Amino acid sequence: MNHFDDLDDFNDSMDDVSKILESLDVCRSLVKQGDESTVAIRLQTTGFEIVADSNLGGERISDILNQSLSDYIECTNASLYRRGQLVDRIDHIKVRKPEIMVAGIVGDKHEAAQKRIGSRRRMDQFDAIVAVDRWIVKGRLYMTSHKSVKEFLHANRDFFPIAQAEVIDAESPENPQAMSVAIVNRARVSFMEIVEPPESEADKKLSAVSRLLKSDA
């Protein structure tokens, strides 16, 4: 075999390596696409309620909102509502994060409060009521200890989760929305209350508001 034959064999080998690398790139691309997931989300903003699809890339919506890389969250197939009435539909929009008061996943799907709760640190459960813009959010907080409202808000990032949430619009309080996890804009909180859940069975039957009123009595 002469040197030209050796060179041909070498080139053939390099071609094989190139094909293998291309295959690996394709595999990586497919894995990345598989990890990316588009979910239906609900955003309560200062002007509109937005129901849209958003590709969260397998991340929690709270993590997306707390990312400092972008001031926007991208949405597709967006429906814009005002006071319960459909105003418009837009194929693609970017919503400014500071304008989002409350965010959540539509339907039974959610970003899994258990992922936060089920950390290595022990979490205790507390009842909470939060007023943010014109919305009242009632639900459960999970913390390592009973913090004051000031301590809690100081310790959290821009958006924080409330599990098993009920979201009430002051303009239509007769139609509260249930969210497995509601993500609240910390900077727009006007008032907040945190209490330990009651122990007695009688107290458990009270509403969150009644329990808070009872605790203040």
C-alpha atoms as a PDB file:
ATOM      1  CA  MET A   1       0.000   0.000   0.000  1.00  0.00           C
ATOM      2  CA  ASN A   2       1.442   3.383  -0.975  1.00  0.00           C
ATOM      3  CA  HIS A   3       1.170   6.695   0.841  1.00  0.00           C
ATOM      4  CA  PHE A   4      -1.824   7.702  -1.259  1.00  0.00           C
ATOM      5  CA  ASP A   5      -3.739   4.636  -0.053  1.00  0.00           C
ATOM      6  CA  ASP A   6      -2.871   5.504   3.552  1.00  0.00           C
ATOM      7  CA  LEU A   7      -4.135   9.031   2.974  1.00  0.00           C
ATOM      8  CA  ASP A   8      -7.381   7.728   1.494  1.00  0.00           C
ATOM      9  CA  ASP A   9      -7.903   5.458   4.506  1.00  0.00           C
ATOM     10  CA  PHE A  10      -7.220   8.368   6.826  1.00  0.00           C
ATOM     11  CA  ASN A  11      -9.728  10.561   5.006  1.00  0.00           C
ATOM     12  CA  ASP A  12     -12.323   7.781   5.149  1.00  0.00           C
ATOM     13  CA  SER A  13     -11.758   7.467   8.892  1.00  0.00           C
ATOM     14  CA  MET A  14     -12.169  11.206   9.358  1.00  0.00           C
ATOM     15  CA  ASP A  15     -15.407  11.075   7.374  1.00  0.00           C
ATOM     16  CA  ASP A  16     -16.661   8.356   9.721  1.00  0.00           C
ATOM     17  CA  VAL A  17     -15.722  10.458  12.734  1.00  0.00           C
ATOM     18  CA  SER A  18     -17.543  13.452  11.256  1.00  0.00           C
ATOM     19  CA  LYS A  19     -20.681  11.362  10.747  1.00  0.00           C
ATOM     20  CA  ILE A  20     -20.509  10.139  14.340  1.00  0.00           C
ATOM     21  CA  LEU A  21     -20.159  13.704  15.626  1.00  0.00           C
ATOM     22  CA  GLU A  22     -23.101  14.811  13.485  1.00  0.00           C
ATOM     23  CA  SER A  23     -25.171  11.973  14.934  1.00  0.00           C
ATOM     24  CA  LEU A  24     -24.228  13.056  18.449  1.00  0.00           C
ATOM     25  CA  ASP A  25     -25.297  16.626  17.675  1.00  0.00           C
ATOM     26  CA  VAL A  26     -28.644  15.348  16.407  1.00  0.00           C
ATOM     27  CA  CYS A  27     -29.084  13.273  19.566  1.00  0.00           C
ATOM     28  CA  ARG A  28     -28.293  16.258  21.767  1.00  0.00           C
ATOM     29  CA  SER A  29     -30.789  18.352  19.835  1.00  0.00           C
ATOM     30  CA  LEU A  30     -33.494  15.702  20.232  1.00  0.00           C
ATOM     31  CA  VAL A  31     -32.830  15.382  23.957  1.00  0.00           C
ATOM     32  CA  LYS A  32     -33.013  19.149  24.341  1.00  0.00           C
ATOM     33  CA  GLN A  33     -36.293  19.257  22.432  1.00  0.00           C
ATOM     34  CA  GLY A  34     -37.670  16.468  24.600  1.00  0.00           C
ATOM     35  CA  ASP A  35     -36.777  18.382  27.758  1.00  0.00           C
ATOM     36  CA  GLU A  36     -38.507  21.529  26.546  1.00  0.00           C
ATOM     37  CA  SER A  37     -42.179  21.537  27.414  1.00  0.00           C
ATOM     38  CA  THR A  38     -44.883  23.963  26.422  1.00  0.00           C
ATOM     39  CA  VAL A  39     -47.552  24.441  29.064  1.00  0.00           C
ATOM     40  CA  ALA A  40     -50.627  26.611  29.392  1.00  0.00           C
ATOM     41  CA  ILE A  41     -50.076  29.422  31.878  1.00  0.00           C
ATOM     42  CA  ARG A  42     -52.226  32.156  33.391  1.00  0.00           C
ATOM     43  CA  LEU A  43     -50.775  35.613  34.043  1.00  0.00           C
ATOM     44  CA  GLN A  44     -52.601  38.293  36.014  1.00  0.00           C
ATOM     45  CA  THR A  45     -51.089  41.612  34.920  1.00  0.00           C
ATOM     46  CA  THR A  46     -51.877  45.215  35.776  1.00  0.00           C
ATOM     47  CA  GLY A  47     -54.133  45.524  32.740  1.00  0.00           C
ATOM     48  CA  PHE A  48     -55.135  42.066  31.557  1.00  0.00           C
ATOM     49  CA  GLU A  49     -55.527  38.441  32.447  1.00  0.00           C
ATOM     50  CA  ILE A  50     -53.482  36.472  29.916  1.00  0.00           C
ATOM     51  CA  VAL A  51     -53.988  32.785  29.179  1.00  0.00           C
ATOM     52  CA  ALA A  52     -51.285  31.507  26.853  1.00  0.00           C
ATOM     53  CA  ASP A  53     -48.761  28.790  26.063  1.00  0.00           C
ATOM     54  CA  SER A  54     -45.173  29.162  27.203  1.00  0.00           C
ATOM     55  CA  ASN A  55     -42.153  26.944  26.653  1.00  0.00           C
ATOM     56  CA  LEU A  56     -40.650  26.653  30.119  1.00  0.00           C
ATOM     57  CA  GLY A  57     -37.915  24.302  28.959  1.00  0.00           C
ATOM     58  CA  GLY A  58     -38.663  21.892  31.782  1.00  0.00           C
ATOM     59  CA  GLU A  59     -38.117  24.587  34.422  1.00  0.00           C
ATOM     60  CA  ARG A  60     -40.556  25.824  37.041  1.00  0.00           C
ATOM     61  CA  ILE A  61     -42.427  28.983  36.154  1.00  0.00           C
ATOM     62  CA  SER A  62     -41.161  30.631  39.352  1.00  0.00           C
ATOM     63  CA  ASP A  63     -37.576  29.949  38.264  1.00  0.00           C
ATOM     64  CA  ILE A  64     -38.283  31.484  34.850  1.00  0.00           C
ATOM     65  CA  LEU A  65     -39.788  34.582  36.467  1.00  0.00           C
ATOM     66  CA  ASN A  66     -36.860  34.931  38.868  1.00  0.00           C
ATOM     67  CA  GLN A  67     -34.217  34.658  36.159  1.00  0.00           C
ATOM     68  CA  SER A  68     -32.354  37.936  35.736  1.00  0.00           C
ATOM     69  CA  LEU A  69     -31.270  37.158  32.163  1.00  0.00           C
ATOM     70  CA  SER A  70     -34.507  38.543  30.729  1.00  0.00           C
ATOM     71  CA  ASP A  71     -37.169  41.021  31.847  1.00  0.00           C
ATOM     72  CA  TYR A  72     -39.785  39.235  29.734  1.00  0.00           C
ATOM     73  CA  ILE A  73     -41.570  35.903  29.562  1.00  0.00           C
ATOM     74  CA  GLU A  74     -42.438  34.766  26.044  1.00  0.00           C
ATOM     75  CA  CYS A  75     -45.916  33.429  25.285  1.00  0.00           C
ATOM     76  CA  THR A  76     -47.699  32.047  22.236  1.00  0.00           C
ATOM     77  CA  ASN A  77     -51.386  31.580  21.403  1.00  0.00           C
ATOM     78  CA  ALA A  78     -52.264  34.258  23.945  1.00  0.00           C
ATOM     79  CA  SER A  79     -55.832  35.175  24.865  1.00  0.00           C
ATOM     80  CA  LEU A  80     -56.227  38.548  26.592  1.00  0.00           C
ATOM     81  CA  TYR A  81     -59.117  39.108  28.994  1.00  0.00           C
ATOM     82  CA  ARG A  82     -60.371  42.215  30.766  1.00  0.00           C
ATOM     83  CA  ARG A  83     -62.925  41.799  33.545  1.00  0.00           C
ATOM     84  CA  GLY A  84     -63.709  38.318  32.298  1.00  0.00           C
ATOM     85  CA  GLN A  85     -64.343  39.411  28.712  1.00  0.00           C
ATOM     86  CA  LEU A  86     -62.129  38.250  25.844  1.00  0.00           C
ATOM     87  CA  VAL A  87     -60.427  41.304  24.341  1.00  0.00           C
ATOM     88  CA  ASP A  88     -58.025  39.874  21.779  1.00  0.00           C
ATOM     89  CA  ARG A  89     -55.963  36.880  20.693  1.00  0.00           C
ATOM     90  CA  ILE A  90     -52.294  37.278  19.784  1.00  0.00           C
ATOM     91  CA  ASP A  91     -49.993  34.650  18.270  1.00  0.00           C
ATOM     92  CA  HIS A  92     -46.847  35.759  20.071  1.00  0.00           C
ATOM     93  CA  ILE A  93     -46.254  38.228  22.903  1.00  0.00           C
ATOM     94  CA  LYS A  94     -43.575  39.087  25.427  1.00  0.00           C
ATOM     95  CA  VAL A  95     -44.919  40.009  28.855  1.00  0.00           C
ATOM     96  CA  ARG A  96     -42.808  42.202  31.130  1.00  0.00           C
ATOM     97  CA  LYS A  97     -42.136  40.397  34.400  1.00  0.00           C
ATOM     98  CA  PRO A  98     -42.603  43.490  36.623  1.00  0.00           C
ATOM     99  CA  GLU A  99     -46.168  43.813  35.265  1.00  0.00           C
ATOM    100  CA  ILE A 100     -47.081  40.247  36.300  1.00  0.00           C
ATOM    101  CA  MET A 101     -48.913  40.250  39.640  1.00  0.00           C
ATOM    102  CA  VAL A 102     -49.810  36.558  39.882  1.00  0.00           C
ATOM    103  CA  ALA A 103     -48.786  33.652  37.640  1.00  0.00           C
ATOM    104  CA  GLY A 104     -49.682  29.984  37.542  1.00  0.00           C
ATOM    105  CA  ILE A 105     -50.190  26.876  35.459  1.00  0.00           C
ATOM    106  CA  VAL A 106     -53.649  26.365  33.945  1.00  0.00           C
ATOM    107  CA  GLY A 107     -55.570  23.277  35.020  1.00  0.00           C
ATOM    108  CA  ASP A 108     -54.404  20.455  37.278  1.00  0.00           C
ATOM    109  CA  LYS A 109     -50.813  20.652  36.110  1.00  0.00           C
ATOM    110  CA  HIS A 110     -48.486  22.708  38.225  1.00  0.00           C
ATOM    111  CA  GLU A 111     -44.835  23.268  38.900  1.00  0.00           C
ATOM    112  CA  ALA A 112     -45.116  20.853  41.815  1.00  0.00           C
ATOM    113  CA  ALA A 113     -45.075  22.472  45.192  1.00  0.00           C
ATOM    114  CA  GLN A 114     -43.636  19.148  46.380  1.00  0.00           C
ATOM    115  CA  LYS A 115     -40.398  19.997  44.586  1.00  0.00           C
ATOM    116  CA  ARG A 116     -40.010  22.943  46.907  1.00  0.00           C
ATOM    117  CA  ILE A 117     -41.523  21.234  49.909  1.00  0.00           C
ATOM    118  CA  GLY A 118     -39.660  17.989  49.432  1.00  0.00           C
ATOM    119  CA  SER A 119     -36.222  19.478  49.849  1.00  0.00           C
ATOM    120  CA  ARG A 120     -33.669  18.153  52.291  1.00  0.00           C
ATOM    121  CA  ARG A 121     -34.662  20.795  54.794  1.00  0.00           C
ATOM    122  CA  ARG A 122     -37.763  20.234  56.864  1.00  0.00           C
ATOM    123  CA  MET A 123     -40.589  22.558  55.858  1.00  0.00           C
ATOM    124  CA  ASP A 124     -43.523  23.596  58.030  1.00  0.00           C
ATOM    125  CA  GLN A 125     -46.892  24.607  56.631  1.00  0.00           C
ATOM    126  CA  PHE A 126     -48.497  27.991  57.245  1.00  0.00           C
ATOM    127  CA  ASP A 127     -51.667  29.731  56.107  1.00  0.00           C
ATOM    128  CA  ALA A 128     -51.201  32.969  54.209  1.00  0.00           C
ATOM    129  CA  ILE A 129     -53.233  35.770  52.698  1.00  0.00           C
ATOM    130  CA  VAL A 130     -51.556  38.145  50.260  1.00  0.00           C
ATOM    131  CA  ALA A 131     -52.941  41.237  48.555  1.00  0.00           C
ATOM    132  CA  VAL A 132     -51.155  42.078  45.319  1.00  0.00           C
ATOM    133  CA  ASP A 133     -52.607  44.864  43.186  1.00  0.00           C
ATOM    134  CA  ARG A 134     -56.325  44.025  42.913  1.00  0.00           C
ATOM    135  CA  TRP A 135     -55.937  40.316  43.719  1.00  0.00           C
ATOM    136  CA  ILE A 136     -56.214  38.469  47.006  1.00  0.00           C
ATOM    137  CA  VAL A 137     -54.266  35.198  47.132  1.00  0.00           C
ATOM    138  CA  LYS A 138     -55.066  32.705  49.903  1.00  0.00           C
ATOM    139  CA  GLY A 139     -53.173  29.464  50.349  1.00  0.00           C
ATOM    140  CA  ARG A 140     -50.283  27.636  51.975  1.00  0.00           C
ATOM    141  CA  LEU A 141     -46.697  28.683  52.552  1.00  0.00           C
ATOM    142  CA  TYR A 142     -43.937  26.196  53.298  1.00  0.00           C
ATOM    143  CA  MET A 143     -41.089  27.530  55.414  1.00  0.00           C
ATOM    144  CA  THR A 144     -38.368  26.139  57.666  1.00  0.00           C
ATOM    145  CA  SER A 145     -39.640  28.298  60.540  1.00  0.00           C
ATOM    146  CA  HIS A 146     -42.389  30.786  61.319  1.00  0.00           C
ATOM    147  CA  LYS A 147     -41.066  34.042  59.883  1.00  0.00           C
ATOM    148  CA  SER A 148     -42.693  37.415  60.209  1.00  0.00           C
ATOM    149  CA  VAL A 149     -44.079  38.963  57.032  1.00  0.00           C
ATOM    150  CA  LYS A 150     -41.126  41.345  56.917  1.00  0.00           C
ATOM    151  CA  GLU A 151     -38.644  38.480  57.304  1.00  0.00           C
ATOM    152  CA  PHE A 152     -40.413  36.352  54.702  1.00  0.00           C
ATOM    153  CA  LEU A 153     -40.579  39.061  52.053  1.00  0.00           C
ATOM    154  CA  HIS A 154     -36.978  40.071  52.702  1.00  0.00           C
ATOM    155  CA  ALA A 155     -35.755  36.475  52.371  1.00  0.00           C
ATOM    156  CA  ASN A 156     -37.506  35.705  49.089  1.00  0.00           C
ATOM    157  CA  ARG A 157     -36.695  36.545  45.509  1.00  0.00           C
ATOM    158  CA  ASP A 158     -38.852  38.655  43.190  1.00  0.00           C
ATOM    159  CA  PHE A 159     -41.529  35.948  42.849  1.00  0.00           C
ATOM    160  CA  PHE A 160     -42.540  33.406  45.492  1.00  0.00           C
ATOM    161  CA  PRO A 161     -45.006  30.460  45.457  1.00  0.00           C
ATOM    162  CA  ILE A 162     -48.191  29.933  47.426  1.00  0.00           C
ATOM    163  CA  ALA A 163     -49.536  26.382  47.196  1.00  0.00           C
ATOM    164  CA  GLN A 164     -53.190  25.239  47.093  1.00  0.00           C
ATOM    165  CA  ALA A 165     -54.054  28.818  46.237  1.00  0.00           C
ATOM    166  CA  GLU A 166     -57.348  30.600  45.742  1.00  0.00           C
ATOM    167  CA  VAL A 167     -57.001  33.786  43.697  1.00  0.00           C
ATOM    168  CA  ILE A 168     -59.745  36.391  44.056  1.00  0.00           C
ATOM    169  CA  ASP A 169     -60.106  39.355  41.717  1.00  0.00           C
ATOM    170  CA  ALA A 170     -61.532  42.325  43.625  1.00  0.00           C
ATOM    171  CA  GLU A 171     -63.430  43.337  40.477  1.00  0.00           C
ATOM    172  CA  SER A 172     -65.216  39.960  40.306  1.00  0.00           C
ATOM    173  CA  PRO A 173     -64.915  38.310  43.750  1.00  0.00           C
ATOM    174  CA  GLU A 174     -67.760  35.919  42.978  1.00  0.00           C
ATOM    175  CA  ASN A 175     -65.488  33.958  40.608  1.00  0.00           C
ATOM    176  CA  PRO A 176     -62.343  32.919  42.514  1.00  0.00           C
ATOM    177  CA  GLN A 177     -59.743  30.878  40.650  1.00  0.00           C
ATOM    178  CA  ALA A 178     -58.061  27.795  42.085  1.00  0.00           C
ATOM    179  CA  MET A 179     -54.346  27.350  41.393  1.00  0.00           C
ATOM    180  CA  SER A 180     -52.219  24.440  42.530  1.00  0.00           C
ATOM    181  CA  VAL A 181     -49.406  26.960  42.910  1.00  0.00           C
ATOM    182  CA  ALA A 182     -49.763  30.735  42.540  1.00  0.00           C
ATOM    183  CA  ILE A 183     -46.553  32.665  41.917  1.00  0.00           C
ATOM    184  CA  VAL A 184     -46.781  36.129  43.496  1.00  0.00           C
ATOM    185  CA  ASN A 185     -44.831  39.273  42.615  1.00  0.00           C
ATOM    186  CA  ARG A 186     -43.143  40.225  45.892  1.00  0.00           C
ATOM    187  CA  ALA A 187     -42.547  43.854  44.895  1.00  0.00           C
ATOM    188  CA  ARG A 188     -46.283  44.442  44.355  1.00  0.00           C
ATOM    189  CA  VAL A 189     -47.504  42.986  47.662  1.00  0.00           C
ATOM    190  CA  SER A 190     -49.595  45.611  49.490  1.00  0.00           C
ATOM    191  CA  PHE A 191     -50.332  43.533  52.595  1.00  0.00           C
ATOM    192  CA  MET A 192     -49.710  40.004  53.800  1.00  0.00           C
ATOM    193  CA  GLU A 193     -50.518  37.838  56.810  1.00  0.00           C
ATOM    194  CA  ILE A 194     -48.918  34.547  57.869  1.00  0.00           C
ATOM    195  CA  VAL A 195     -50.348  32.311  60.607  1.00  0.00           C
ATOM    196  CA  GLU A 196     -49.737  28.785  61.801  1.00  0.00           C
ATOM    197  CA  PRO A 197     -52.518  26.400  60.735  1.00  0.00           C
ATOM    198  CA  PRO A 198     -54.997  25.527  63.516  1.00  0.00           C
ATOM    199  CA  GLU A 199     -54.728  22.232  65.343  1.00  0.00           C
ATOM    200  CA  SER A 200     -58.346  21.525  66.228  1.00  0.00           C
ATOM    201  CA  GLU A 201     -60.793  19.841  63.860  1.00  0.00           C
ATOM    202  CA  ALA A 202     -63.262  22.675  64.432  1.00  0.00           C
ATOM    203  CA  ASP A 203     -60.704  25.236  63.323  1.00  0.00           C
ATOM    204  CA  LYS A 204     -59.839  23.180  60.252  1.00  0.00           C
ATOM    205  CA  LYS A 205     -63.397  23.684  58.994  1.00  0.00           C
ATOM    206  CA  LEU A 206     -63.050  27.473  59.110  1.00  0.00           C
ATOM    207  CA  SER A 207     -62.085  29.422  56.026  1.00  0.00           C
ATOM    208  CA  ALA A 208     -58.620  30.940  55.782  1.00  0.00           C
ATOM    209  CA  VAL A 209     -60.078  34.424  56.383  1.00  0.00           C
ATOM    210  CA  SER A 210     -62.013  33.243  59.453  1.00  0.00           C
ATOM    211  CA  ARG A 211     -58.902  31.615  60.882  1.00  0.00           C
ATOM    212  CA  LEU A 212     -56.925  34.820  60.424  1.00  0.00           C
ATOM    213  CA  LEU A 213     -59.672  36.887  62.057  1.00  0.00           C
ATOM    214  CA  LYS A 214     -59.822  34.416  64.936  1.00  0.00           C
ATOM    215  CA  SER A 215     -56.054  34.586  65.428  1.00  0.00           C
ATOM    216  CA  ASP A 216     -56.268  38.396  65.721  1.00  0.00           C
ATOM    217  CA  ALA A 217     -59.069  38.280  68.273  1.00  0.00           C
END
